[in-house]
Amino acid sequence: MKIAVTSTGTDLDAPVDPRFGRAAYILIVDSDTLDVEVLDNAENVNAFKGAGIQAATMISDKKADVLLTGYCGPNAFKTLEAAQIRVASDVSGTVREAVAAAAADQLTFSSAPNAEGHW
């Protein structure tokens, strides 16, 4: 399974970034091998608007199956839902811990966004 995780750093031991659209990095982790592809999200960090939609498109293009993050707004959530990417919100700890929890089916997937949209 390909798991996208918002991250403050570029490796498995970095903390999960609670922001989705404006996370510093998004790591695409293969849950079987723990191979990591690092997506630099710098372009979206300072975006005036649309950061969540752009980040959602980025992980969809990488064929992620799920997203692990802290908060996901309504526009990003709709984009992820359309791409059939399940979202687990309120995720914390390190990227490694989050991936392990997902692989062990210990996370609850969201049915709605858990953050307000930005205007």
PDB file of N, CA and C in Angstrom:
ATOM      1  N   MET A   1       0.838  -1.173   0.000  1.00  0.00           N
ATOM      2  CA  MET A   1       0.000   0.000   0.000  1.00  0.00           C
ATOM      3  C   MET A   1       0.890   1.246   0.000  1.00  0.00           C
ATOM      4  N   LYS A   2       0.512   2.246  -0.779  1.00  0.00           N
ATOM      5  CA  LYS A   2       1.238   3.518  -0.806  1.00  0.00           C
ATOM      6  C   LYS A   2       0.552   4.477   0.167  1.00  0.00           C
ATOM      7  N   ILE A   3       1.317   4.932   1.143  1.00  0.00           N
ATOM      8  CA  ILE A   3       0.782   5.791   2.193  1.00  0.00           C
ATOM      9  C   ILE A   3       1.448   7.162   2.098  1.00  0.00           C
ATOM     10  N   ALA A   4       0.642   8.209   1.936  1.00  0.00           N
ATOM     11  CA  ALA A   4       1.146   9.584   1.951  1.00  0.00           C
ATOM     12  C   ALA A   4       1.042  10.093   3.387  1.00  0.00           C
ATOM     13  N   VAL A   5       2.134  10.681   3.878  1.00  0.00           N
ATOM     14  CA  VAL A   5       2.159  11.196   5.246  1.00  0.00           C
ATOM     15  C   VAL A   5       2.727  12.609   5.228  1.00  0.00           C
ATOM     16  N   THR A   6       2.014  13.556   5.821  1.00  0.00           N
ATOM     17  CA  THR A   6       2.561  14.905   5.928  1.00  0.00           C
ATOM     18  C   THR A   6       3.668  14.877   6.966  1.00  0.00           C
ATOM     19  N   SER A   7       4.764  15.586   6.674  1.00  0.00           N
ATOM     20  CA  SER A   7       5.952  15.469   7.516  1.00  0.00           C
ATOM     21  C   SER A   7       6.693  16.798   7.637  1.00  0.00           C
ATOM     22  N   THR A   8       7.343  16.974   8.787  1.00  0.00           N
ATOM     23  CA  THR A   8       8.184  18.158   8.979  1.00  0.00           C
ATOM     24  C   THR A   8       9.590  17.922   8.451  1.00  0.00           C
ATOM     25  N   GLY A   9       9.933  16.681   8.123  1.00  0.00           N
ATOM     26  CA  GLY A   9      11.268  16.340   7.640  1.00  0.00           C
ATOM     27  C   GLY A   9      11.205  15.348   6.510  1.00  0.00           C
ATOM     28  N   THR A  10      12.377  14.833   6.141  1.00  0.00           N
ATOM     29  CA  THR A  10      12.472  14.006   4.941  1.00  0.00           C
ATOM     30  C   THR A  10      12.698  12.521   5.200  1.00  0.00           C
ATOM     31  N   ASP A  11      12.567  12.088   6.450  1.00  0.00           N
ATOM     32  CA  ASP A  11      12.774  10.659   6.715  1.00  0.00           C
ATOM     33  C   ASP A  11      11.683  10.111   7.633  1.00  0.00           C
ATOM     34  N   LEU A  12      11.711   8.798   7.816  1.00  0.00           N
ATOM     35  CA  LEU A  12      10.669   8.113   8.591  1.00  0.00           C
ATOM     36  C   LEU A  12      10.604   8.531  10.055  1.00  0.00           C
ATOM     37  N   ASP A  13      11.694   9.065  10.589  1.00  0.00           N
ATOM     38  CA  ASP A  13      11.710   9.442  11.999  1.00  0.00           C
ATOM     39  C   ASP A  13      11.328  10.903  12.234  1.00  0.00           C
ATOM     40  N   ALA A  14      10.954  11.607  11.185  1.00  0.00           N
ATOM     41  CA  ALA A  14      10.486  12.989  11.314  1.00  0.00           C
ATOM     42  C   ALA A  14       9.068  12.995  11.881  1.00  0.00           C
ATOM     43  N   PRO A  15       8.705  14.044  12.603  1.00  0.00           N
ATOM     44  CA  PRO A  15       7.335  14.148  13.120  1.00  0.00           C
ATOM     45  C   PRO A  15       6.325  14.361  11.988  1.00  0.00           C
ATOM     46  N   VAL A  16       5.126  13.848  12.191  1.00  0.00           N
ATOM     47  CA  VAL A  16       4.023  14.112  11.273  1.00  0.00           C
ATOM     48  C   VAL A  16       3.705  15.602  11.355  1.00  0.00           C
ATOM     49  N   ASP A  17       3.585  16.255  10.210  1.00  0.00           N
ATOM     50  CA  ASP A  17       3.188  17.664  10.172  1.00  0.00           C
ATOM     51  C   ASP A  17       1.660  17.694  10.266  1.00  0.00           C
ATOM     52  N   PRO A  18       1.092  18.440  11.221  1.00  0.00           N
ATOM     53  CA  PRO A  18      -0.358  18.439  11.370  1.00  0.00           C
ATOM     54  C   PRO A  18      -1.090  19.108  10.209  1.00  0.00           C
ATOM     55  N   ARG A  19      -0.391  19.913   9.429  1.00  0.00           N
ATOM     56  CA  ARG A  19      -1.020  20.596   8.289  1.00  0.00           C
ATOM     57  C   ARG A  19      -0.945  19.701   7.061  1.00  0.00           C
ATOM     58  N   PHE A  20      -1.980  19.741   6.238  1.00  0.00           N
ATOM     59  CA  PHE A  20      -1.907  18.978   5.002  1.00  0.00           C
ATOM     60  C   PHE A  20      -1.381  19.850   3.865  1.00  0.00           C
ATOM     61  N   GLY A  21      -2.169  20.803   3.415  1.00  0.00           N
ATOM     62  CA  GLY A  21      -1.787  21.602   2.256  1.00  0.00           C
ATOM     63  C   GLY A  21      -0.505  22.386   2.429  1.00  0.00           C
ATOM     64  N   ARG A  22      -0.213  22.781   3.655  1.00  0.00           N
ATOM     65  CA  ARG A  22       0.973  23.595   3.912  1.00  0.00           C
ATOM     66  C   ARG A  22       2.059  22.843   4.691  1.00  0.00           C
ATOM     67  N   ALA A  23       2.002  21.525   4.654  1.00  0.00           N
ATOM     68  CA  ALA A  23       3.056  20.715   5.279  1.00  0.00           C
ATOM     69  C   ALA A  23       4.381  20.968   4.569  1.00  0.00           C
ATOM     70  N   ALA A  24       5.474  20.884   5.303  1.00  0.00           N
ATOM     71  CA  ALA A  24       6.791  21.087   4.698  1.00  0.00           C
ATOM     72  C   ALA A  24       7.078  20.030   3.634  1.00  0.00           C
ATOM     73  N   TYR A  25       6.768  18.788   3.955  1.00  0.00           N
ATOM     74  CA  TYR A  25       7.008  17.665   3.042  1.00  0.00           C
ATOM     75  C   TYR A  25       5.826  16.707   3.103  1.00  0.00           C
ATOM     76  N   ILE A  26       5.687  15.946   2.055  1.00  0.00           N
ATOM     77  CA  ILE A  26       4.759  14.819   2.055  1.00  0.00           C
ATOM     78  C   ILE A  26       5.590  13.611   1.646  1.00  0.00           C
ATOM     79  N   LEU A  27       5.607  12.603   2.511  1.00  0.00           N
ATOM     80  CA  LEU A  27       6.373  11.394   2.220  1.00  0.00           C
ATOM     81  C   LEU A  27       5.424  10.338   1.677  1.00  0.00           C
ATOM     82  N   ILE A  28       5.804   9.712   0.594  1.00  0.00           N
ATOM     83  CA  ILE A  28       5.055   8.586   0.038  1.00  0.00           C
ATOM     84  C   ILE A  28       5.807   7.335   0.465  1.00  0.00           C
ATOM     85  N   VAL A  29       5.183   6.542   1.324  1.00  0.00           N
ATOM     86  CA  VAL A  29       5.845   5.388   1.927  1.00  0.00           C
ATOM     87  C   VAL A  29       5.186   4.101   1.457  1.00  0.00           C
ATOM     88  N   ASP A  30       5.995   3.158   1.001  1.00  0.00           N
ATOM     89  CA  ASP A  30       5.508   1.821   0.674  1.00  0.00           C
ATOM     90  C   ASP A  30       5.408   1.060   1.987  1.00  0.00           C
ATOM     91  N   SER A  31       4.206   0.663   2.375  1.00  0.00           N
ATOM     92  CA  SER A  31       4.011   0.033   3.686  1.00  0.00           C
ATOM     93  C   SER A  31       4.688  -1.331   3.799  1.00  0.00           C
ATOM     94  N   ASP A  32       4.988  -1.979   2.672  1.00  0.00           N
ATOM     95  CA  ASP A  32       5.640  -3.291   2.711  1.00  0.00           C
ATOM     96  C   ASP A  32       7.158  -3.178   2.856  1.00  0.00           C
ATOM     97  N   THR A  33       7.759  -2.226   2.128  1.00  0.00           N
ATOM     98  CA  THR A  33       9.217  -2.140   2.097  1.00  0.00           C
ATOM     99  C   THR A  33       9.769  -0.958   2.898  1.00  0.00           C
ATOM    100  N   LEU A  34       8.907  -0.019   3.253  1.00  0.00           N
ATOM    101  CA  LEU A  34       9.274   1.242   3.912  1.00  0.00           C
ATOM    102  C   LEU A  34      10.163   2.121   3.028  1.00  0.00           C
ATOM    103  N   ASP A  35      10.134   1.877   1.715  1.00  0.00           N
ATOM    104  CA  ASP A  35      10.797   2.785   0.782  1.00  0.00           C
ATOM    105  C   ASP A  35      10.060   4.119   0.831  1.00  0.00           C
ATOM    106  N   VAL A  36      10.823   5.219   0.755  1.00  0.00           N
ATOM    107  CA  VAL A  36      10.247   6.554   0.898  1.00  0.00           C
ATOM    108  C   VAL A  36      10.548   7.406  -0.322  1.00  0.00           C
ATOM    109  N   GLU A  37       9.536   8.063  -0.825  1.00  0.00           N
ATOM    110  CA  GLU A  37       9.706   9.098  -1.847  1.00  0.00           C
ATOM    111  C   GLU A  37       9.321  10.414  -1.184  1.00  0.00           C
ATOM    112  N   VAL A  38      10.205  11.396  -1.241  1.00  0.00           N
ATOM    113  CA  VAL A  38       9.982  12.685  -0.589  1.00  0.00           C
ATOM    114  C   VAL A  38       9.433  13.682  -1.601  1.00  0.00           C
ATOM    115  N   LEU A  39       8.274  14.264  -1.277  1.00  0.00           N
ATOM    116  CA  LEU A  39       7.712  15.330  -2.095  1.00  0.00           C
ATOM    117  C   LEU A  39       7.917  16.643  -1.351  1.00  0.00           C
ATOM    118  N   ASP A  40       8.675  17.548  -1.944  1.00  0.00           N
ATOM    119  CA  ASP A  40       8.897  18.863  -1.354  1.00  0.00           C
ATOM    120  C   ASP A  40       7.658  19.705  -1.616  1.00  0.00           C
ATOM    121  N   ASN A  41       7.017  20.163  -0.570  1.00  0.00           N
ATOM    122  CA  ASN A  41       5.763  20.900  -0.686  1.00  0.00           C
ATOM    123  C   ASN A  41       5.970  22.408  -0.562  1.00  0.00           C
ATOM    124  N   ALA A  42       7.204  22.877  -0.779  1.00  0.00           N
ATOM    125  CA  ALA A  42       7.537  24.289  -0.587  1.00  0.00           C
ATOM    126  C   ALA A  42       6.658  25.223  -1.414  1.00  0.00           C
ATOM    127  N   GLU A  43       6.303  24.795  -2.613  1.00  0.00           N
ATOM    128  CA  GLU A  43       5.469  25.638  -3.474  1.00  0.00           C
ATOM    129  C   GLU A  43       4.112  25.936  -2.834  1.00  0.00           C
ATOM    130  N   ASN A  44       3.581  24.984  -2.094  1.00  0.00           N
ATOM    131  CA  ASN A  44       2.268  25.160  -1.473  1.00  0.00           C
ATOM    132  C   ASN A  44       2.326  25.822  -0.101  1.00  0.00           C
ATOM    133  N   VAL A  45       3.470  25.775   0.562  1.00  0.00           N
ATOM    134  CA  VAL A  45       3.578  26.321   1.920  1.00  0.00           C
ATOM    135  C   VAL A  45       3.182  27.787   1.959  1.00  0.00           C
ATOM    136  N   ASN A  46       3.598  28.547   0.959  1.00  0.00           N
ATOM    137  CA  ASN A  46       3.308  29.980   0.940  1.00  0.00           C
ATOM    138  C   ASN A  46       2.232  30.369  -0.068  1.00  0.00           C
ATOM    139  N   ALA A  47       1.495  29.387  -0.561  1.00  0.00           N
ATOM    140  CA  ALA A  47       0.448  29.684  -1.543  1.00  0.00           C
ATOM    141  C   ALA A  47      -0.647  30.547  -0.918  1.00  0.00           C
ATOM    142  N   PHE A  48      -1.162  31.489  -1.700  1.00  0.00           N
ATOM    143  CA  PHE A  48      -2.230  32.355  -1.216  1.00  0.00           C
ATOM    144  C   PHE A  48      -3.494  31.541  -0.965  1.00  0.00           C
ATOM    145  N   LYS A  49      -3.827  30.664  -1.911  1.00  0.00           N
ATOM    146  CA  LYS A  49      -4.972  29.769  -1.740  1.00  0.00           C
ATOM    147  C   LYS A  49      -4.758  28.529  -2.596  1.00  0.00           C
ATOM    148  N   GLY A  50      -5.548  27.498  -2.331  1.00  0.00           N
ATOM    149  CA  GLY A  50      -5.470  26.284  -3.127  1.00  0.00           C
ATOM    150  C   GLY A  50      -4.376  25.307  -2.736  1.00  0.00           C
ATOM    151  N   ALA A  51      -3.716  25.550  -1.593  1.00  0.00           N
ATOM    152  CA  ALA A  51      -2.608  24.678  -1.182  1.00  0.00           C
ATOM    153  C   ALA A  51      -3.071  23.237  -0.986  1.00  0.00           C
ATOM    154  N   GLY A  52      -4.212  23.045  -0.356  1.00  0.00           N
ATOM    155  CA  GLY A  52      -4.720  21.693  -0.105  1.00  0.00           C
ATOM    156  C   GLY A  52      -5.069  20.953  -1.380  1.00  0.00           C
ATOM    157  N   ILE A  53      -5.699  21.656  -2.316  1.00  0.00           N
ATOM    158  CA  ILE A  53      -6.059  21.036  -3.589  1.00  0.00           C
ATOM    159  C   ILE A  53      -4.802  20.639  -4.354  1.00  0.00           C
ATOM    160  N   GLN A  54      -3.800  21.519  -4.368  1.00  0.00           N
ATOM    161  CA  GLN A  54      -2.548  21.216  -5.072  1.00  0.00           C
ATOM    162  C   GLN A  54      -1.827  20.030  -4.425  1.00  0.00           C
ATOM    163  N   ALA A  55      -1.795  19.999  -3.097  1.00  0.00           N
ATOM    164  CA  ALA A  55      -1.145  18.882  -2.402  1.00  0.00           C
ATOM    165  C   ALA A  55      -1.909  17.580  -2.668  1.00  0.00           C
ATOM    166  N   ALA A  56      -3.236  17.654  -2.687  1.00  0.00           N
ATOM    167  CA  ALA A  56      -4.047  16.466  -2.969  1.00  0.00           C
ATOM    168  C   ALA A  56      -3.769  15.946  -4.372  1.00  0.00           C
ATOM    169  N   THR A  57      -3.653  16.849  -5.324  1.00  0.00           N
ATOM    170  CA  THR A  57      -3.346  16.460  -6.701  1.00  0.00           C
ATOM    171  C   THR A  57      -1.969  15.808  -6.777  1.00  0.00           C
ATOM    172  N   MET A  58      -1.026  16.361  -6.033  1.00  0.00           N
ATOM    173  CA  MET A  58       0.339  15.829  -6.025  1.00  0.00           C
ATOM    174  C   MET A  58       0.363  14.376  -5.535  1.00  0.00           C
ATOM    175  N   ILE A  59      -0.346  14.080  -4.450  1.00  0.00           N
ATOM    176  CA  ILE A  59      -0.304  12.699  -3.946  1.00  0.00           C
ATOM    177  C   ILE A  59      -1.159  11.762  -4.788  1.00  0.00           C
ATOM    178  N   SER A  60      -2.183  12.297  -5.425  1.00  0.00           N
ATOM    179  CA  SER A  60      -2.972  11.483  -6.351  1.00  0.00           C
ATOM    180  C   SER A  60      -2.110  11.073  -7.537  1.00  0.00           C
ATOM    181  N   ASP A  61      -1.305  12.006  -8.038  1.00  0.00           N
ATOM    182  CA  ASP A  61      -0.406  11.707  -9.163  1.00  0.00           C
ATOM    183  C   ASP A  61       0.605  10.614  -8.800  1.00  0.00           C
ATOM    184  N   LYS A  62       0.921  10.488  -7.518  1.00  0.00           N
ATOM    185  CA  LYS A  62       1.861   9.462  -7.042  1.00  0.00           C
ATOM    186  C   LYS A  62       1.156   8.148  -6.702  1.00  0.00           C
ATOM    187  N   LYS A  63      -0.149   8.102  -6.946  1.00  0.00           N
ATOM    188  CA  LYS A  63      -0.960   6.883  -6.747  1.00  0.00           C
ATOM    189  C   LYS A  63      -1.031   6.435  -5.287  1.00  0.00           C
ATOM    190  N   ALA A  64      -1.067   7.405  -4.364  1.00  0.00           N
ATOM    191  CA  ALA A  64      -1.205   7.051  -2.945  1.00  0.00           C
ATOM    192  C   ALA A  64      -2.593   6.454  -2.696  1.00  0.00           C
ATOM    193  N   ASP A  65      -2.653   5.502  -1.782  1.00  0.00           N
ATOM    194  CA  ASP A  65      -3.922   4.875  -1.405  1.00  0.00           C
ATOM    195  C   ASP A  65      -4.580   5.586  -0.233  1.00  0.00           C
ATOM    196  N   VAL A  66      -3.757   6.092   0.674  1.00  0.00           N
ATOM    197  CA  VAL A  66      -4.264   6.758   1.871  1.00  0.00           C
ATOM    198  C   VAL A  66      -3.390   7.975   2.184  1.00  0.00           C
ATOM    199  N   LEU A  67      -3.963   8.900   2.957  1.00  0.00           N
ATOM    200  CA  LEU A  67      -3.238  10.056   3.469  1.00  0.00           C
ATOM    201  C   LEU A  67      -3.334  10.050   4.983  1.00  0.00           C
ATOM    202  N   LEU A  68      -2.203  10.236   5.640  1.00  0.00           N
ATOM    203  CA  LEU A  68      -2.161  10.370   7.092  1.00  0.00           C
ATOM    204  C   LEU A  68      -1.707  11.790   7.391  1.00  0.00           C
ATOM    205  N   THR A  69      -2.509  12.531   8.149  1.00  0.00           N
ATOM    206  CA  THR A  69      -2.209  13.929   8.434  1.00  0.00           C
ATOM    207  C   THR A  69      -2.910  14.350   9.712  1.00  0.00           C
ATOM    208  N   GLY A  70      -2.684  15.575  10.114  1.00  0.00           N
ATOM    209  CA  GLY A  70      -3.369  16.112  11.284  1.00  0.00           C
ATOM    210  C   GLY A  70      -4.720  16.691  10.909  1.00  0.00           C
ATOM    211  N   TYR A  71      -4.688  17.662   9.998  1.00  0.00           N
ATOM    212  CA  TYR A  71      -5.906  18.370   9.612  1.00  0.00           C
ATOM    213  C   TYR A  71      -6.043  18.420   8.110  1.00  0.00           C
ATOM    214  N   CYS A  72      -7.278  18.259   7.639  1.00  0.00           N
ATOM    215  CA  CYS A  72      -7.570  18.294   6.208  1.00  0.00           C
ATOM    216  C   CYS A  72      -8.827  19.126   6.006  1.00  0.00           C
ATOM    217  N   GLY A  73      -8.714  20.192   5.220  1.00  0.00           N
ATOM    218  CA  GLY A  73      -9.836  21.079   4.956  1.00  0.00           C
ATOM    219  C   GLY A  73     -10.800  20.532   3.918  1.00  0.00           C
ATOM    220  N   PRO A  74     -11.929  21.223   3.732  1.00  0.00           N
ATOM    221  CA  PRO A  74     -13.001  20.706   2.874  1.00  0.00           C
ATOM    222  C   PRO A  74     -12.641  20.563   1.397  1.00  0.00           C
ATOM    223  N   ASN A  75     -11.936  21.535   0.822  1.00  0.00           N
ATOM    224  CA  ASN A  75     -11.606  21.438  -0.605  1.00  0.00           C
ATOM    225  C   ASN A  75     -10.598  20.326  -0.868  1.00  0.00           C
ATOM    226  N   ALA A  76      -9.598  20.223  -0.018  1.00  0.00           N
ATOM    227  CA  ALA A  76      -8.622  19.140  -0.158  1.00  0.00           C
ATOM    228  C   ALA A  76      -9.306  17.792   0.044  1.00  0.00           C
ATOM    229  N   PHE A  77     -10.189  17.714   1.041  1.00  0.00           N
ATOM    230  CA  PHE A  77     -10.880  16.454   1.324  1.00  0.00           C
ATOM    231  C   PHE A  77     -11.697  16.007   0.109  1.00  0.00           C
ATOM    232  N   LYS A  78     -12.408  16.946  -0.512  1.00  0.00           N
ATOM    233  CA  LYS A  78     -13.213  16.610  -1.704  1.00  0.00           C
ATOM    234  C   LYS A  78     -12.320  16.103  -2.836  1.00  0.00           C
ATOM    235  N   THR A  79     -11.176  16.747  -3.020  1.00  0.00           N
ATOM    236  CA  THR A  79     -10.247  16.342  -4.064  1.00  0.00           C
ATOM    237  C   THR A  79      -9.707  14.942  -3.798  1.00  0.00           C
ATOM    238  N   LEU A  80      -9.350  14.665  -2.552  1.00  0.00           N
ATOM    239  CA  LEU A  80      -8.854  13.342  -2.177  1.00  0.00           C
ATOM    240  C   LEU A  80      -9.940  12.283  -2.332  1.00  0.00           C
ATOM    241  N   GLU A  81     -11.148  12.628  -1.925  1.00  0.00           N
ATOM    242  CA  GLU A  81     -12.283  11.704  -2.034  1.00  0.00           C
ATOM    243  C   GLU A  81     -12.533  11.354  -3.506  1.00  0.00           C
ATOM    244  N   ALA A  82     -12.459  12.355  -4.381  1.00  0.00           N
ATOM    245  CA  ALA A  82     -12.657  12.123  -5.812  1.00  0.00           C
ATOM    246  C   ALA A  82     -11.579  11.203  -6.380  1.00  0.00           C
ATOM    247  N   ALA A  83     -10.376  11.277  -5.818  1.00  0.00           N
ATOM    248  CA  ALA A  83      -9.262  10.427  -6.267  1.00  0.00           C
ATOM    249  C   ALA A  83      -9.264   9.074  -5.558  1.00  0.00           C
ATOM    250  N   GLN A  84     -10.253   8.831  -4.714  1.00  0.00           N
ATOM    251  CA  GLN A  84     -10.391   7.579  -3.953  1.00  0.00           C
ATOM    252  C   GLN A  84      -9.212   7.346  -3.013  1.00  0.00           C
ATOM    253  N   ILE A  85      -8.731   8.443  -2.410  1.00  0.00           N
ATOM    254  CA  ILE A  85      -7.679   8.363  -1.407  1.00  0.00           C
ATOM    255  C   ILE A  85      -8.337   8.543  -0.042  1.00  0.00           C
ATOM    256  N   ARG A  86      -8.229   7.524   0.802  1.00  0.00           N
ATOM    257  CA  ARG A  86      -8.809   7.605   2.149  1.00  0.00           C
ATOM    258  C   ARG A  86      -7.938   8.485   3.032  1.00  0.00           C
ATOM    259  N   VAL A  87      -8.576   9.229   3.934  1.00  0.00           N
ATOM    260  CA  VAL A  87      -7.875  10.184   4.787  1.00  0.00           C
ATOM    261  C   VAL A  87      -8.024   9.784   6.254  1.00  0.00           C
ATOM    262  N   ALA A  88      -6.902   9.688   6.942  1.00  0.00           N
ATOM    263  CA  ALA A  88      -6.901   9.518   8.398  1.00  0.00           C
ATOM    264  C   ALA A  88      -6.384  10.833   8.975  1.00  0.00           C
ATOM    265  N   SER A  89      -7.241  11.532   9.718  1.00  0.00           N
ATOM    266  CA  SER A  89      -6.879  12.811  10.326  1.00  0.00           C
ATOM    267  C   SER A  89      -6.496  12.604  11.780  1.00  0.00           C
ATOM    268  N   ASP A  90      -6.039  13.674  12.408  1.00  0.00           N
ATOM    269  CA  ASP A  90      -5.643  13.645  13.818  1.00  0.00           C
ATOM    270  C   ASP A  90      -4.497  12.663  14.072  1.00  0.00           C
ATOM    271  N   VAL A  91      -3.656  12.452  13.064  1.00  0.00           N
ATOM    272  CA  VAL A  91      -2.515  11.549  13.189  1.00  0.00           C
ATOM    273  C   VAL A  91      -1.334  12.340  13.760  1.00  0.00           C
ATOM    274  N   SER A  92      -0.619  11.730  14.694  1.00  0.00           N
ATOM    275  CA  SER A  92       0.547  12.386  15.287  1.00  0.00           C
ATOM    276  C   SER A  92       1.667  11.365  15.465  1.00  0.00           C
ATOM    277  N   GLY A  93       2.755  11.789  16.081  1.00  0.00           N
ATOM    278  CA  GLY A  93       3.916  10.911  16.259  1.00  0.00           C
ATOM    279  C   GLY A  93       4.860  11.068  15.090  1.00  0.00           C
ATOM    280  N   THR A  94       5.690  10.062  14.863  1.00  0.00           N
ATOM    281  CA  THR A  94       6.615  10.103  13.735  1.00  0.00           C
ATOM    282  C   THR A  94       5.946   9.480  12.512  1.00  0.00           C
ATOM    283  N   VAL A  95       6.542   9.730  11.360  1.00  0.00           N
ATOM    284  CA  VAL A  95       6.041   9.124  10.128  1.00  0.00           C
ATOM    285  C   VAL A  95       6.070   7.604  10.254  1.00  0.00           C
ATOM    286  N   ARG A  96       7.151   7.070  10.808  1.00  0.00           N
ATOM    287  CA  ARG A  96       7.289   5.622  10.979  1.00  0.00           C
ATOM    288  C   ARG A  96       6.153   5.053  11.840  1.00  0.00           C
ATOM    289  N   GLU A  97       5.836   5.733  12.945  1.00  0.00           N
ATOM    290  CA  GLU A  97       4.762   5.281  13.835  1.00  0.00           C
ATOM    291  C   GLU A  97       3.400   5.350  13.138  1.00  0.00           C
ATOM    292  N   ALA A  98       3.195   6.407  12.362  1.00  0.00           N
ATOM    293  CA  ALA A  98       1.924   6.561  11.653  1.00  0.00           C
ATOM    294  C   ALA A  98       1.746   5.468  10.593  1.00  0.00           C
ATOM    295  N   VAL A  99       2.815   5.171   9.853  1.00  0.00           N
ATOM    296  CA  VAL A  99       2.754   4.126   8.827  1.00  0.00           C
ATOM    297  C   VAL A  99       2.504   2.761   9.480  1.00  0.00           C
ATOM    298  N   ALA A 100       3.169   2.509  10.602  1.00  0.00           N
ATOM    299  CA  ALA A 100       2.965   1.235  11.315  1.00  0.00           C
ATOM    300  C   ALA A 100       1.522   1.105  11.784  1.00  0.00           C
ATOM    301  N   ALA A 101       0.953   2.194  12.284  1.00  0.00           N
ATOM    302  CA  ALA A 101      -0.443   2.162  12.740  1.00  0.00           C
ATOM    303  C   ALA A 101      -1.391   1.909  11.568  1.00  0.00           C
ATOM    304  N   ALA A 102      -1.106   2.519  10.421  1.00  0.00           N
ATOM    305  CA  ALA A 102      -1.941   2.296   9.236  1.00  0.00           C
ATOM    306  C   ALA A 102      -1.827   0.856   8.754  1.00  0.00           C
ATOM    307  N   ALA A 103      -0.614   0.342   8.715  1.00  0.00           N
ATOM    308  CA  ALA A 103      -0.385  -1.032   8.251  1.00  0.00           C
ATOM    309  C   ALA A 103      -1.052  -2.050   9.174  1.00  0.00           C
ATOM    310  N   ALA A 104      -1.145  -1.708  10.468  1.00  0.00           N
ATOM    311  CA  ALA A 104      -1.782  -2.602  11.443  1.00  0.00           C
ATOM    312  C   ALA A 104      -3.291  -2.346  11.553  1.00  0.00           C
ATOM    313  N   ASP A 105      -3.808  -1.498  10.661  1.00  0.00           N
ATOM    314  CA  ASP A 105      -5.242  -1.182  10.643  1.00  0.00           C
ATOM    315  C   ASP A 105      -5.722  -0.595  11.970  1.00  0.00           C
ATOM    316  N   GLN A 106      -4.901   0.275  12.561  1.00  0.00           N
ATOM    317  CA  GLN A 106      -5.220   0.883  13.850  1.00  0.00           C
ATOM    318  C   GLN A 106      -5.715   2.320  13.739  1.00  0.00           C
ATOM    319  N   LEU A 107      -5.896   2.800  12.514  1.00  0.00           N
ATOM    320  CA  LEU A 107      -6.348   4.174  12.328  1.00  0.00           C
ATOM    321  C   LEU A 107      -7.803   4.205  11.876  1.00  0.00           C
ATOM    322  N   THR A 108      -8.472   5.280  12.222  1.00  0.00           N
ATOM    323  CA  THR A 108      -9.840   5.489  11.777  1.00  0.00           C
ATOM    324  C   THR A 108      -9.803   6.470  10.612  1.00  0.00           C
ATOM    325  N   PHE A 109     -10.459   6.115   9.535  1.00  0.00           N
ATOM    326  CA  PHE A 109     -10.477   6.987   8.371  1.00  0.00           C
ATOM    327  C   PHE A 109     -11.660   7.940   8.457  1.00  0.00           C
ATOM    328  N   SER A 110     -11.439   9.151   7.996  1.00  0.00           N
ATOM    329  CA  SER A 110     -12.412  10.231   8.112  1.00  0.00           C
ATOM    330  C   SER A 110     -13.495  10.124   7.052  1.00  0.00           C
ATOM    331  N   SER A 111     -14.682  10.586   7.408  1.00  0.00           N
ATOM    332  CA  SER A 111     -15.779  10.662   6.444  1.00  0.00           C
ATOM    333  C   SER A 111     -16.066  12.111   6.076  1.00  0.00           C
ATOM    334  N   ALA A 112     -15.319  13.039   6.689  1.00  0.00           N
ATOM    335  CA  ALA A 112     -15.509  14.456   6.435  1.00  0.00           C
ATOM    336  C   ALA A 112     -14.232  15.207   6.814  1.00  0.00           C
ATOM    337  N   PRO A 113     -14.060  16.434   6.306  1.00  0.00           N
ATOM    338  CA  PRO A 113     -12.887  17.224   6.688  1.00  0.00           C
ATOM    339  C   PRO A 113     -12.920  17.559   8.174  1.00  0.00           C
ATOM    340  N   ASN A 114     -11.760  17.837   8.767  1.00  0.00           N
ATOM    341  CA  ASN A 114     -11.719  18.195  10.177  1.00  0.00           C
ATOM    342  C   ASN A 114     -11.100  19.567  10.399  1.00  0.00           C
ATOM    343  N   ALA A 115     -11.084  20.388   9.342  1.00  0.00           N
ATOM    344  CA  ALA A 115     -10.570  21.757   9.449  1.00  0.00           C
ATOM    345  C   ALA A 115     -11.413  22.657   8.556  1.00  0.00           C
ATOM    346  N   GLU A 116     -11.444  23.924   8.905  1.00  0.00           N
ATOM    347  CA  GLU A 116     -12.154  24.911   8.089  1.00  0.00           C
ATOM    348  C   GLU A 116     -11.354  25.218   6.841  1.00  0.00           C
ATOM    349  N   GLY A 117     -12.044  25.612   5.795  1.00  0.00           N
ATOM    350  CA  GLY A 117     -11.350  26.068   4.600  1.00  0.00           C
ATOM    351  C   GLY A 117     -10.778  27.453   4.826  1.00  0.00           C
ATOM    352  N   HIS A 118      -9.798  27.832   4.031  1.00  0.00           N
ATOM    353  CA  HIS A 118      -9.189  29.163   4.136  1.00  0.00           C
ATOM    354  C   HIS A 118      -9.757  30.056   3.052  1.00  0.00           C
ATOM    355  N   TRP A 119     -10.025  31.284   3.362  1.00  0.00           N
ATOM    356  CA  TRP A 119     -10.597  32.220   2.380  1.00  0.00           C
ATOM    357  C   TRP A 119      -9.624  33.263   2.021  1.00  0.00           C
TER     358      TRP A 119
END
